[in-house]
Amino acid sequence: MLVRLDLNNPVFQKNLFGLQKHERHSALETLKKVSQMNWNQIYSDKGLKWEKIISVTPPKGIDALYSLRLTQSRRATAYREGDFMRFLTIAPDHDATYGKK
Protein backbone atom coordinates (compact mmCIF):
# COMPACT_ATOMS: atom_id res chain seq x y z
CA MET A 1 0.00 0.00 0.00
CA LEU A 2 1.27 3.45 -0.91
CA VAL A 3 1.97 6.17 1.64
CA ARG A 4 -0.84 8.69 1.92
CA LEU A 5 0.17 12.33 2.41
CA ASP A 6 -1.48 14.78 4.80
CA LEU A 7 -0.37 18.28 3.79
CA ASN A 8 -3.15 20.09 5.68
CA ASN A 9 -1.14 21.44 8.61
CA PRO A 10 -1.32 25.28 8.39
CA VAL A 11 2.32 25.70 9.47
CA PHE A 12 3.50 23.24 6.82
CA GLN A 13 1.42 25.01 4.16
CA LYS A 14 2.78 28.42 5.16
CA ASN A 15 6.34 27.06 5.00
CA LEU A 16 5.73 25.38 1.62
CA PHE A 17 4.07 28.39 0.01
CA GLY A 18 6.80 30.66 1.39
CA LEU A 19 9.60 28.83 -0.44
CA GLN A 20 11.25 30.43 -3.44
CA LYS A 21 9.85 29.15 -6.75
CA HIS A 22 12.70 26.74 -7.54
CA GLU A 23 12.70 25.31 -4.00
CA ARG A 24 8.91 24.99 -3.96
CA HIS A 25 9.04 23.10 -7.26
CA SER A 26 11.71 20.77 -5.87
CA ALA A 27 9.64 20.20 -2.70
CA LEU A 28 6.56 19.35 -4.77
CA GLU A 29 8.59 16.87 -6.84
CA THR A 30 9.72 15.19 -3.61
CA LEU A 31 6.13 15.04 -2.34
CA LYS A 32 5.06 13.48 -5.63
CA LYS A 33 7.85 10.89 -5.29
CA VAL A 34 6.82 10.09 -1.71
CA SER A 35 3.18 9.64 -2.75
CA GLN A 36 4.29 6.88 -5.14
CA MET A 37 6.21 4.92 -2.50
CA ASN A 38 5.30 2.42 0.22
CA TRP A 39 6.58 2.68 3.79
CA ASN A 40 9.43 0.21 3.29
CA GLN A 41 10.66 2.29 0.37
CA ILE A 42 10.45 5.46 2.50
CA TYR A 43 12.53 3.88 5.27
CA SER A 44 15.26 2.71 2.89
CA ASP A 45 15.42 5.57 0.36
CA LYS A 46 18.89 7.15 0.54
CA GLY A 47 17.71 10.46 -0.95
CA LEU A 48 14.91 11.10 1.55
CA LYS A 49 16.98 10.21 4.60
CA TRP A 50 13.94 9.47 6.81
CA GLU A 51 15.31 9.95 10.36
CA LYS A 52 13.79 9.84 13.82
CA ILE A 53 14.25 13.14 15.68
CA ILE A 54 15.37 12.29 19.20
CA SER A 55 16.31 15.81 20.29
CA VAL A 56 12.70 17.05 20.27
CA THR A 57 9.87 15.66 22.39
CA PRO A 58 6.89 14.87 20.15
CA PRO A 59 3.53 16.51 20.89
CA LYS A 60 1.02 14.56 22.95
CA GLY A 61 -0.56 11.77 20.94
CA ILE A 62 2.37 11.40 18.54
CA ASP A 63 4.79 8.50 19.12
CA ALA A 64 7.77 9.99 17.31
CA LEU A 65 8.75 12.84 15.00
CA TYR A 66 10.78 12.27 11.86
CA SER A 67 12.61 14.40 9.36
CA LEU A 68 13.04 13.83 5.67
CA ARG A 69 14.88 15.69 2.95
CA LEU A 70 12.39 17.78 1.00
CA THR A 71 14.92 19.73 -1.09
CA GLN A 72 18.72 19.84 -1.17
CA SER A 73 18.73 22.44 1.60
CA ARG A 74 15.40 21.87 3.40
CA ARG A 75 14.07 19.14 5.64
CA ALA A 76 10.47 18.60 6.63
CA THR A 77 9.18 17.22 9.91
CA ALA A 78 6.44 14.65 9.83
CA TYR A 79 5.06 11.67 11.69
CA ARG A 80 3.46 8.41 10.70
CA GLU A 81 -0.13 7.67 11.59
CA GLY A 82 -1.23 4.42 10.00
CA ASP A 83 -0.90 4.79 6.24
CA PHE A 84 -0.53 8.58 6.50
CA MET A 85 2.61 10.69 6.56
CA ARG A 86 1.41 13.84 8.32
CA PHE A 87 3.63 16.84 7.60
CA LEU A 88 4.20 19.48 10.28
CA THR A 89 6.88 21.94 9.18
CA ILE A 90 9.61 22.76 6.71
CA ALA A 91 12.68 23.90 8.61
CA PRO A 92 14.50 27.07 7.51
CA ASP A 93 17.78 25.13 7.75
CA HIS A 94 19.10 21.69 8.66
CA ASP A 95 19.82 22.38 12.36
CA ALA A 96 16.38 23.86 13.01
CA THR A 97 14.82 20.51 12.11
CA TYR A 98 16.49 18.95 15.12
CA GLY A 99 15.63 21.71 17.60
CA LYS A 100 19.18 23.08 17.70
CA LYS A 101 18.20 26.70 17.01
C-alpha atoms as a PDB file:
ATOM      1  CA  MET A   1       0.000   0.000   0.000  1.00  0.00           C
ATOM      2  CA  LEU A   2       1.275   3.453  -0.912  1.00  0.00           C
ATOM      3  CA  VAL A   3       1.972   6.166   1.641  1.00  0.00           C
ATOM      4  CA  ARG A   4      -0.841   8.695   1.918  1.00  0.00           C
ATOM      5  CA  LEU A   5       0.175  12.329   2.413  1.00  0.00           C
ATOM      6  CA  ASP A   6      -1.476  14.776   4.795  1.00  0.00           C
ATOM      7  CA  LEU A   7      -0.372  18.280   3.791  1.00  0.00           C
ATOM      8  CA  ASN A   8      -3.148  20.094   5.684  1.00  0.00           C
ATOM      9  CA  ASN A   9      -1.138  21.445   8.614  1.00  0.00           C
ATOM     10  CA  PRO A  10      -1.319  25.277   8.385  1.00  0.00           C
ATOM     11  CA  VAL A  11       2.323  25.701   9.469  1.00  0.00           C
ATOM     12  CA  PHE A  12       3.495  23.244   6.818  1.00  0.00           C
ATOM     13  CA  GLN A  13       1.418  25.005   4.160  1.00  0.00           C
ATOM     14  CA  LYS A  14       2.777  28.416   5.160  1.00  0.00           C
ATOM     15  CA  ASN A  15       6.336  27.058   4.997  1.00  0.00           C
ATOM     16  CA  LEU A  16       5.733  25.382   1.623  1.00  0.00           C
ATOM     17  CA  PHE A  17       4.070  28.395   0.009  1.00  0.00           C
ATOM     18  CA  GLY A  18       6.797  30.660   1.386  1.00  0.00           C
ATOM     19  CA  LEU A  19       9.597  28.833  -0.436  1.00  0.00           C
ATOM     20  CA  GLN A  20      11.251  30.431  -3.438  1.00  0.00           C
ATOM     21  CA  LYS A  21       9.847  29.153  -6.747  1.00  0.00           C
ATOM     22  CA  HIS A  22      12.704  26.737  -7.540  1.00  0.00           C
ATOM     23  CA  GLU A  23      12.705  25.308  -4.005  1.00  0.00           C
ATOM     24  CA  ARG A  24       8.912  24.994  -3.955  1.00  0.00           C
ATOM     25  CA  HIS A  25       9.044  23.098  -7.261  1.00  0.00           C
ATOM     26  CA  SER A  26      11.708  20.771  -5.871  1.00  0.00           C
ATOM     27  CA  ALA A  27       9.644  20.198  -2.703  1.00  0.00           C
ATOM     28  CA  LEU A  28       6.557  19.353  -4.774  1.00  0.00           C
ATOM     29  CA  GLU A  29       8.587  16.872  -6.841  1.00  0.00           C
ATOM     30  CA  THR A  30       9.718  15.185  -3.612  1.00  0.00           C
ATOM     31  CA  LEU A  31       6.125  15.044  -2.336  1.00  0.00           C
ATOM     32  CA  LYS A  32       5.060  13.481  -5.632  1.00  0.00           C
ATOM     33  CA  LYS A  33       7.852  10.891  -5.288  1.00  0.00           C
ATOM     34  CA  VAL A  34       6.817  10.087  -1.708  1.00  0.00           C
ATOM     35  CA  SER A  35       3.179   9.645  -2.755  1.00  0.00           C
ATOM     36  CA  GLN A  36       4.290   6.884  -5.144  1.00  0.00           C
ATOM     37  CA  MET A  37       6.207   4.916  -2.499  1.00  0.00           C
ATOM     38  CA  ASN A  38       5.302   2.423   0.216  1.00  0.00           C
ATOM     39  CA  TRP A  39       6.577   2.684   3.792  1.00  0.00           C
ATOM     40  CA  ASN A  40       9.434   0.205   3.292  1.00  0.00           C
ATOM     41  CA  GLN A  41      10.662   2.292   0.368  1.00  0.00           C
ATOM     42  CA  ILE A  42      10.450   5.462   2.502  1.00  0.00           C
ATOM     43  CA  TYR A  43      12.532   3.875   5.268  1.00  0.00           C
ATOM     44  CA  SER A  44      15.264   2.713   2.889  1.00  0.00           C
ATOM     45  CA  ASP A  45      15.419   5.572   0.365  1.00  0.00           C
ATOM     46  CA  LYS A  46      18.894   7.146   0.542  1.00  0.00           C
ATOM     47  CA  GLY A  47      17.714  10.461  -0.948  1.00  0.00           C
ATOM     48  CA  LEU A  48      14.909  11.100   1.548  1.00  0.00           C
ATOM     49  CA  LYS A  49      16.975  10.210   4.605  1.00  0.00           C
ATOM     50  CA  TRP A  50      13.944   9.469   6.809  1.00  0.00           C
ATOM     51  CA  GLU A  51      15.314   9.950  10.359  1.00  0.00           C
ATOM     52  CA  LYS A  52      13.790   9.843  13.816  1.00  0.00           C
ATOM     53  CA  ILE A  53      14.245  13.135  15.681  1.00  0.00           C
ATOM     54  CA  ILE A  54      15.372  12.288  19.200  1.00  0.00           C
ATOM     55  CA  SER A  55      16.314  15.814  20.286  1.00  0.00           C
ATOM     56  CA  VAL A  56      12.698  17.045  20.274  1.00  0.00           C
ATOM     57  CA  THR A  57       9.868  15.656  22.392  1.00  0.00           C
ATOM     58  CA  PRO A  58       6.893  14.873  20.151  1.00  0.00           C
ATOM     59  CA  PRO A  59       3.529  16.512  20.893  1.00  0.00           C
ATOM     60  CA  LYS A  60       1.020  14.555  22.955  1.00  0.00           C
ATOM     61  CA  GLY A  61      -0.564  11.765  20.939  1.00  0.00           C
ATOM     62  CA  ILE A  62       2.373  11.399  18.537  1.00  0.00           C
ATOM     63  CA  ASP A  63       4.786   8.502  19.125  1.00  0.00           C
ATOM     64  CA  ALA A  64       7.775   9.991  17.308  1.00  0.00           C
ATOM     65  CA  LEU A  65       8.749  12.839  15.003  1.00  0.00           C
ATOM     66  CA  TYR A  66      10.776  12.269  11.864  1.00  0.00           C
ATOM     67  CA  SER A  67      12.611  14.401   9.363  1.00  0.00           C
ATOM     68  CA  LEU A  68      13.044  13.831   5.670  1.00  0.00           C
ATOM     69  CA  ARG A  69      14.883  15.688   2.950  1.00  0.00           C
ATOM     70  CA  LEU A  70      12.392  17.777   0.997  1.00  0.00           C
ATOM     71  CA  THR A  71      14.922  19.729  -1.093  1.00  0.00           C
ATOM     72  CA  GLN A  72      18.719  19.844  -1.169  1.00  0.00           C
ATOM     73  CA  SER A  73      18.734  22.444   1.604  1.00  0.00           C
ATOM     74  CA  ARG A  74      15.401  21.875   3.401  1.00  0.00           C
ATOM     75  CA  ARG A  75      14.075  19.141   5.635  1.00  0.00           C
ATOM     76  CA  ALA A  76      10.471  18.595   6.632  1.00  0.00           C
ATOM     77  CA  THR A  77       9.184  17.224   9.905  1.00  0.00           C
ATOM     78  CA  ALA A  78       6.437  14.647   9.827  1.00  0.00           C
ATOM     79  CA  TYR A  79       5.059  11.674  11.689  1.00  0.00           C
ATOM     80  CA  ARG A  80       3.463   8.414  10.703  1.00  0.00           C
ATOM     81  CA  GLU A  81      -0.126   7.666  11.591  1.00  0.00           C
ATOM     82  CA  GLY A  82      -1.231   4.419  10.000  1.00  0.00           C
ATOM     83  CA  ASP A  83      -0.895   4.792   6.237  1.00  0.00           C
ATOM     84  CA  PHE A  84      -0.533   8.579   6.501  1.00  0.00           C
ATOM     85  CA  MET A  85       2.606  10.690   6.562  1.00  0.00           C
ATOM     86  CA  ARG A  86       1.407  13.840   8.320  1.00  0.00           C
ATOM     87  CA  PHE A  87       3.628  16.838   7.597  1.00  0.00           C
ATOM     88  CA  LEU A  88       4.197  19.479  10.281  1.00  0.00           C
ATOM     89  CA  THR A  89       6.882  21.942   9.183  1.00  0.00           C
ATOM     90  CA  ILE A  90       9.612  22.760   6.713  1.00  0.00           C
ATOM     91  CA  ALA A  91      12.680  23.897   8.608  1.00  0.00           C
ATOM     92  CA  PRO A  92      14.501  27.068   7.515  1.00  0.00           C
ATOM     93  CA  ASP A  93      17.779  25.133   7.750  1.00  0.00           C
ATOM     94  CA  HIS A  94      19.097  21.692   8.664  1.00  0.00           C
ATOM     95  CA  ASP A  95      19.816  22.381  12.365  1.00  0.00           C
ATOM     96  CA  ALA A  96      16.384  23.857  13.015  1.00  0.00           C
ATOM     97  CA  THR A  97      14.822  20.508  12.112  1.00  0.00           C
ATOM     98  CA  TYR A  98      16.487  18.948  15.116  1.00  0.00           C
ATOM     99  CA  GLY A  99      15.633  21.711  17.602  1.00  0.00           C
ATOM    100  CA  LYS A 100      19.183  23.076  17.699  1.00  0.00           C
ATOM    101  CA  LYS A 101      18.203  26.700  17.008  1.00  0.00           C
END
